[in-house]
């Protein structure tokens, strides 16, 4: 009985760890997305433009974005 309960707690801890890592990755990507979108293609036709607040003046203000 103890082994079964220990395995359950171990599985729960593993699932919690995977969820926390997933949430952390999602937050980091969400924060970095506007900057990356502006850097690679500031005037993407047919796509939503990145908000001006997320880009630096050098990136969005120049004709050739710096990489």
PDB file of N, CA and C in Angstrom:
ATOM      1  N   UNK A   1       0.822  -1.202   0.000  1.00  0.00           N
ATOM      2  CA  UNK A   1       0.000   0.000   0.000  1.00  0.00           C
ATOM      3  C   UNK A   1       0.864   1.263   0.000  1.00  0.00           C
ATOM      4  N   UNK A   2       1.952   1.248   0.802  1.00  0.00           N
ATOM      5  CA  UNK A   2       2.811   2.430   0.846  1.00  0.00           C
ATOM      6  C   UNK A   2       3.470   2.680  -0.505  1.00  0.00           C
ATOM      7  N   UNK A   3       3.890   1.622  -1.192  1.00  0.00           N
ATOM      8  CA  UNK A   3       4.535   1.783  -2.499  1.00  0.00           C
ATOM      9  C   UNK A   3       3.574   2.392  -3.504  1.00  0.00           C
ATOM     10  N   UNK A   4       2.336   1.967  -3.474  1.00  0.00           N
ATOM     11  CA  UNK A   4       1.326   2.506  -4.379  1.00  0.00           C
ATOM     12  C   UNK A   4       1.100   3.998  -4.120  1.00  0.00           C
ATOM     13  N   UNK A   5       1.033   4.384  -2.846  1.00  0.00           N
ATOM     14  CA  UNK A   5       0.833   5.792  -2.496  1.00  0.00           C
ATOM     15  C   UNK A   5       2.061   6.621  -2.875  1.00  0.00           C
ATOM     16  N   UNK A   6       3.239   6.076  -2.672  1.00  0.00           N
ATOM     17  CA  UNK A   6       4.468   6.775  -3.037  1.00  0.00           C
ATOM     18  C   UNK A   6       4.553   6.987  -4.550  1.00  0.00           C
ATOM     19  N   UNK A   7       4.156   5.978  -5.309  1.00  0.00           N
ATOM     20  CA  UNK A   7       4.150   6.119  -6.765  1.00  0.00           C
ATOM     21  C   UNK A   7       3.161   7.194  -7.212  1.00  0.00           C
ATOM     22  N   UNK A   8       2.034   7.271  -6.534  1.00  0.00           N
ATOM     23  CA  UNK A   8       1.042   8.304  -6.857  1.00  0.00           C
ATOM     24  C   UNK A   8       1.583   9.703  -6.603  1.00  0.00           C
ATOM     25  N   UNK A   9       2.248   9.883  -5.455  1.00  0.00           N
ATOM     26  CA  UNK A   9       2.829  11.194  -5.144  1.00  0.00           C
ATOM     27  C   UNK A   9       3.948  11.549  -6.118  1.00  0.00           C
ATOM     28  N   UNK A  10       4.736  10.570  -6.503  1.00  0.00           N
ATOM     29  CA  UNK A  10       5.814  10.807  -7.462  1.00  0.00           C
ATOM     30  C   UNK A  10       5.255  11.216  -8.818  1.00  0.00           C
ATOM     31  N   UNK A  11       4.206  10.546  -9.247  1.00  0.00           N
ATOM     32  CA  UNK A  11       3.561  10.904 -10.511  1.00  0.00           C
ATOM     33  C   UNK A  11       2.962  12.308 -10.438  1.00  0.00           C
ATOM     34  N   UNK A  12       2.330  12.649  -9.320  1.00  0.00           N
ATOM     35  CA  UNK A  12       1.741  13.982  -9.156  1.00  0.00           C
ATOM     36  C   UNK A  12       2.831  15.057  -9.188  1.00  0.00           C
ATOM     37  N   UNK A  13       3.969  14.781  -8.547  1.00  0.00           N
ATOM     38  CA  UNK A  13       5.062  15.751  -8.562  1.00  0.00           C
ATOM     39  C   UNK A  13       5.629  15.910  -9.967  1.00  0.00           C
ATOM     40  N   UNK A  14       5.719  14.828 -10.722  1.00  0.00           N
ATOM     41  CA  UNK A  14       6.215  14.899 -12.093  1.00  0.00           C
ATOM     42  C   UNK A  14       5.272  15.702 -12.989  1.00  0.00           C
ATOM     43  N   UNK A  15       3.985  15.479 -12.840  1.00  0.00           N
ATOM     44  CA  UNK A  15       2.992  16.228 -13.625  1.00  0.00           C
ATOM     45  C   UNK A  15       3.038  17.714 -13.264  1.00  0.00           C
ATOM     46  N   UNK A  16       3.171  18.027 -11.981  1.00  0.00           N
ATOM     47  CA  UNK A  16       3.258  19.421 -11.554  1.00  0.00           C
ATOM     48  C   UNK A  16       4.504  20.086 -12.128  1.00  0.00           C
ATOM     49  N   UNK A  17       5.618  19.369 -12.148  1.00  0.00           N
ATOM     50  CA  UNK A  17       6.852  19.918 -12.707  1.00  0.00           C
ATOM     51  C   UNK A  17       6.707  20.212 -14.193  1.00  0.00           C
ATOM     52  N   UNK A  18       6.110  19.302 -14.930  1.00  0.00           N
ATOM     53  CA  UNK A  18       5.902  19.510 -16.367  1.00  0.00           C
ATOM     54  C   UNK A  18       4.979  20.700 -16.604  1.00  0.00           C
ATOM     55  N   UNK A  19       3.937  20.825 -15.799  1.00  0.00           N
ATOM     56  CA  UNK A  19       3.021  21.972 -15.945  1.00  0.00           C
ATOM     57  C   UNK A  19       3.733  23.294 -15.654  1.00  0.00           C
ATOM     58  N   UNK A  20       4.533  23.334 -14.610  1.00  0.00           N
ATOM     59  CA  UNK A  20       5.256  24.568 -14.280  1.00  0.00           C
ATOM     60  C   UNK A  20       6.253  24.934 -15.372  1.00  0.00           C
ATOM     61  N   UNK A  21       6.939  23.943 -15.919  1.00  0.00           N
ATOM     62  CA  UNK A  21       7.869  24.232 -17.017  1.00  0.00           C
ATOM     63  C   UNK A  21       7.128  24.733 -18.249  1.00  0.00           C
ATOM     64  N   UNK A  22       5.983  24.156 -18.543  1.00  0.00           N
ATOM     65  CA  UNK A  22       5.187  24.604 -19.680  1.00  0.00           C
ATOM     66  C   UNK A  22       4.681  26.027 -19.506  1.00  0.00           C
ATOM     67  N   UNK A  23       4.212  26.347 -18.316  1.00  0.00           N
ATOM     68  CA  UNK A  23       3.723  27.699 -18.043  1.00  0.00           C
ATOM     69  C   UNK A  23       4.867  28.708 -18.148  1.00  0.00           C
ATOM     70  N   UNK A  24       6.023  28.358 -17.609  1.00  0.00           N
ATOM     71  CA  UNK A  24       7.178  29.254 -17.686  1.00  0.00           C
ATOM     72  C   UNK A  24       7.588  29.494 -19.135  1.00  0.00           C
ATOM     73  N   UNK A  25       7.632  28.442 -19.929  1.00  0.00           N
ATOM     74  CA  UNK A  25       8.000  28.589 -21.342  1.00  0.00           C
ATOM     75  C   UNK A  25       6.975  29.455 -22.075  1.00  0.00           C
ATOM     76  N   UNK A  26       5.696  29.259 -21.805  1.00  0.00           N
ATOM     77  CA  UNK A  26       4.654  30.048 -22.449  1.00  0.00           C
ATOM     78  C   UNK A  26       4.795  31.531 -22.112  1.00  0.00           C
ATOM     79  N   UNK A  27       5.066  31.839 -20.859  1.00  0.00           N
ATOM     80  CA  UNK A  27       5.208  33.240 -20.443  1.00  0.00           C
ATOM     81  C   UNK A  27       6.424  33.875 -21.116  1.00  0.00           C
ATOM     82  N   UNK A  28       7.533  33.163 -21.174  1.00  0.00           N
ATOM     83  CA  UNK A  28       8.743  33.708 -21.799  1.00  0.00           C
ATOM     84  C   UNK A  28       8.538  33.956 -23.291  1.00  0.00           C
ATOM     85  N   UNK A  29       7.887  33.030 -23.969  1.00  0.00           N
ATOM     86  CA  UNK A  29       7.633  33.211 -25.402  1.00  0.00           C
ATOM     87  C   UNK A  29       6.661  34.367 -25.621  1.00  0.00           C
ATOM     88  N   UNK A  30       5.655  34.476 -24.785  1.00  0.00           N
ATOM     89  CA  UNK A  30       4.669  35.549 -24.918  1.00  0.00           C
ATOM     90  C   UNK A  30       5.323  36.917 -24.737  1.00  0.00           C
ATOM     91  N   UNK A  31       6.279  37.031 -23.786  1.00  0.00           N
ATOM     92  CA  UNK A  31       6.964  38.309 -23.557  1.00  0.00           C
ATOM     93  C   UNK A  31       7.877  38.663 -24.726  1.00  0.00           C
ATOM     94  N   UNK A  32       8.493  37.673 -25.352  1.00  0.00           N
ATOM     95  CA  UNK A  32       9.505  37.918 -26.370  1.00  0.00           C
ATOM     96  C   UNK A  32       8.924  38.003 -27.777  1.00  0.00           C
ATOM     97  N   UNK A  33       7.685  37.582 -27.988  1.00  0.00           N
ATOM     98  CA  UNK A  33       7.117  37.510 -29.323  1.00  0.00           C
ATOM     99  C   UNK A  33       7.054  38.843 -30.063  1.00  0.00           C
ATOM    100  N   UNK A  34       6.579  39.951 -29.477  1.00  0.00           N
ATOM    101  CA  UNK A  34       6.531  41.205 -30.237  1.00  0.00           C
ATOM    102  C   UNK A  34       7.914  41.683 -30.692  1.00  0.00           C
ATOM    103  N   UNK A  35       8.926  41.518 -29.856  1.00  0.00           N
ATOM    104  CA  UNK A  35      10.264  41.955 -30.226  1.00  0.00           C
ATOM    105  C   UNK A  35      10.809  41.127 -31.380  1.00  0.00           C
ATOM    106  N   UNK A  36      10.606  39.826 -31.354  1.00  0.00           N
ATOM    107  CA  UNK A  36      11.101  38.951 -32.411  1.00  0.00           C
ATOM    108  C   UNK A  36      10.354  39.219 -33.710  1.00  0.00           C
ATOM    109  N   UNK A  37       9.044  39.423 -33.649  1.00  0.00           N
ATOM    110  CA  UNK A  37       8.259  39.688 -34.849  1.00  0.00           C
ATOM    111  C   UNK A  37       8.709  40.988 -35.501  1.00  0.00           C
ATOM    112  N   UNK A  38       9.009  41.998 -34.708  1.00  0.00           N
ATOM    113  CA  UNK A  38       9.454  43.274 -35.260  1.00  0.00           C
ATOM    114  C   UNK A  38      10.839  43.137 -35.852  1.00  0.00           C
ATOM    115  N   UNK A  39      11.703  42.412 -35.197  1.00  0.00           N
ATOM    116  CA  UNK A  39      13.078  42.291 -35.646  1.00  0.00           C
ATOM    117  C   UNK A  39      13.149  41.584 -36.999  1.00  0.00           C
ATOM    118  N   UNK A  40      12.363  40.547 -37.202  1.00  0.00           N
ATOM    119  CA  UNK A  40      12.460  39.764 -38.425  1.00  0.00           C
ATOM    120  C   UNK A  40      11.666  40.358 -39.576  1.00  0.00           C
ATOM    121  N   UNK A  41      10.530  40.940 -39.308  1.00  0.00           N
ATOM    122  CA  UNK A  41       9.702  41.471 -40.384  1.00  0.00           C
ATOM    123  C   UNK A  41       8.807  42.576 -39.835  1.00  0.00           C
ATOM    124  N   UNK A  42       9.298  43.812 -39.771  1.00  0.00           N
ATOM    125  CA  UNK A  42       8.519  44.881 -39.153  1.00  0.00           C
ATOM    126  C   UNK A  42       7.262  45.256 -39.925  1.00  0.00           C
ATOM    127  N   UNK A  43       7.219  45.005 -41.229  1.00  0.00           N
ATOM    128  CA  UNK A  43       6.052  45.375 -42.026  1.00  0.00           C
ATOM    129  C   UNK A  43       5.548  44.149 -42.772  1.00  0.00           C
ATOM    130  N   UNK A  44       5.111  43.139 -42.045  1.00  0.00           N
ATOM    131  CA  UNK A  44       4.637  41.909 -42.665  1.00  0.00           C
ATOM    132  C   UNK A  44       3.271  42.145 -43.297  1.00  0.00           C
ATOM    133  N   UNK A  45       3.153  42.053 -44.647  1.00  0.00           N
ATOM    134  CA  UNK A  45       1.867  42.275 -45.300  1.00  0.00           C
ATOM    135  C   UNK A  45       0.904  41.139 -44.980  1.00  0.00           C
ATOM    136  N   UNK A  46      -0.318  41.504 -44.652  1.00  0.00           N
ATOM    137  CA  UNK A  46      -1.339  40.520 -44.375  1.00  0.00           C
ATOM    138  C   UNK A  46      -1.284  39.930 -42.981  1.00  0.00           C
ATOM    139  N   UNK A  47      -0.363  40.363 -42.165  1.00  0.00           N
ATOM    140  CA  UNK A  47      -0.264  39.854 -40.804  1.00  0.00           C
ATOM    141  C   UNK A  47      -0.419  41.013 -39.837  1.00  0.00           C
ATOM    142  N   UNK A  48      -0.739  40.675 -38.617  1.00  0.00           N
ATOM    143  CA  UNK A  48      -0.858  41.714 -37.599  1.00  0.00           C
ATOM    144  C   UNK A  48       0.522  42.252 -37.271  1.00  0.00           C
ATOM    145  N   UNK A  49       0.656  43.542 -37.235  1.00  0.00           N
ATOM    146  CA  UNK A  49       1.934  44.157 -36.901  1.00  0.00           C
ATOM    147  C   UNK A  49       2.152  44.096 -35.396  1.00  0.00           C
ATOM    148  N   UNK A  50       3.400  44.019 -35.025  1.00  0.00           N
ATOM    149  CA  UNK A  50       3.740  44.032 -33.600  1.00  0.00           C
ATOM    150  C   UNK A  50       3.466  45.422 -33.053  1.00  0.00           C
ATOM    151  N   UNK A  51       3.019  45.533 -31.816  1.00  0.00           N
ATOM    152  CA  UNK A  51       2.757  46.849 -31.248  1.00  0.00           C
ATOM    153  C   UNK A  51       4.037  47.679 -31.171  1.00  0.00           C
ATOM    154  N   UNK A  52       3.885  48.977 -31.387  1.00  0.00           N
ATOM    155  CA  UNK A  52       5.048  49.864 -31.419  1.00  0.00           C
ATOM    156  C   UNK A  52       5.784  49.892 -30.090  1.00  0.00           C
ATOM    157  N   UNK A  53       5.097  49.666 -29.010  1.00  0.00           N
ATOM    158  CA  UNK A  53       5.730  49.683 -27.696  1.00  0.00           C
ATOM    159  C   UNK A  53       6.672  48.508 -27.490  1.00  0.00           C
ATOM    160  N   UNK A  54       6.503  47.441 -28.258  1.00  0.00           N
ATOM    161  CA  UNK A  54       7.333  46.261 -28.088  1.00  0.00           C
ATOM    162  C   UNK A  54       8.624  46.323 -28.874  1.00  0.00           C
ATOM    163  N   UNK A  55       8.798  47.314 -29.745  1.00  0.00           N
ATOM    164  CA  UNK A  55       9.974  47.400 -30.602  1.00  0.00           C
ATOM    165  C   UNK A  55      10.804  48.635 -30.240  1.00  0.00           C
ATOM    166  N   UNK A  56      12.064  48.546 -30.518  1.00  0.00           N
ATOM    167  CA  UNK A  56      12.903  49.713 -30.333  1.00  0.00           C
ATOM    168  C   UNK A  56      12.816  50.580 -31.578  1.00  0.00           C
ATOM    169  N   UNK A  57      13.165  51.853 -31.457  1.00  0.00           N
ATOM    170  CA  UNK A  57      13.101  52.766 -32.590  1.00  0.00           C
ATOM    171  C   UNK A  57      14.065  52.356 -33.694  1.00  0.00           C
ATOM    172  N   UNK A  58      15.196  51.787 -33.317  1.00  0.00           N
ATOM    173  CA  UNK A  58      16.183  51.373 -34.301  1.00  0.00           C
ATOM    174  C   UNK A  58      15.631  50.237 -35.138  1.00  0.00           C
ATOM    175  N   UNK A  59      14.926  49.313 -34.517  1.00  0.00           N
ATOM    176  CA  UNK A  59      14.396  48.145 -35.227  1.00  0.00           C
ATOM    177  C   UNK A  59      13.284  48.545 -36.177  1.00  0.00           C
ATOM    178  N   UNK A  60      12.246  49.196 -35.677  1.00  0.00           N
ATOM    179  CA  UNK A  60      11.082  49.495 -36.488  1.00  0.00           C
ATOM    180  C   UNK A  60      11.273  50.754 -37.337  1.00  0.00           C
ATOM    181  N   UNK A  61      12.186  51.613 -36.959  1.00  0.00           N
ATOM    182  CA  UNK A  61      12.352  52.855 -37.688  1.00  0.00           C
ATOM    183  C   UNK A  61      13.277  52.751 -38.878  1.00  0.00           C
ATOM    184  N   UNK A  62      14.056  51.687 -38.991  1.00  0.00           N
ATOM    185  CA  UNK A  62      15.006  51.572 -40.097  1.00  0.00           C
ATOM    186  C   UNK A  62      14.445  50.703 -41.199  1.00  0.00           C
ATOM    187  N   UNK A  63      14.972  50.870 -42.401  1.00  0.00           N
ATOM    188  CA  UNK A  63      14.528  50.088 -43.541  1.00  0.00           C
ATOM    189  C   UNK A  63      15.034  48.660 -43.453  1.00  0.00           C
ATOM    190  N   UNK A  64      16.244  48.469 -42.941  1.00  0.00           N
ATOM    191  CA  UNK A  64      16.772  47.100 -42.789  1.00  0.00           C
ATOM    192  C   UNK A  64      16.980  46.822 -41.314  1.00  0.00           C
ATOM    193  N   UNK A  65      16.151  45.934 -40.764  1.00  0.00           N
ATOM    194  CA  UNK A  65      16.252  45.660 -39.333  1.00  0.00           C
ATOM    195  C   UNK A  65      17.571  44.983 -38.978  1.00  0.00           C
ATOM    196  N   UNK A  66      18.082  45.328 -37.811  1.00  0.00           N
ATOM    197  CA  UNK A  66      19.316  44.702 -37.363  1.00  0.00           C
ATOM    198  C   UNK A  66      19.039  43.338 -36.806  1.00  0.00           C
ATOM    199  N   UNK A  67      19.957  42.416 -36.972  1.00  0.00           N
ATOM    200  CA  UNK A  67      19.738  41.043 -36.513  1.00  0.00           C
ATOM    201  C   UNK A  67      20.574  40.750 -35.327  1.00  0.00           C
TER     202      UNK A  67
END
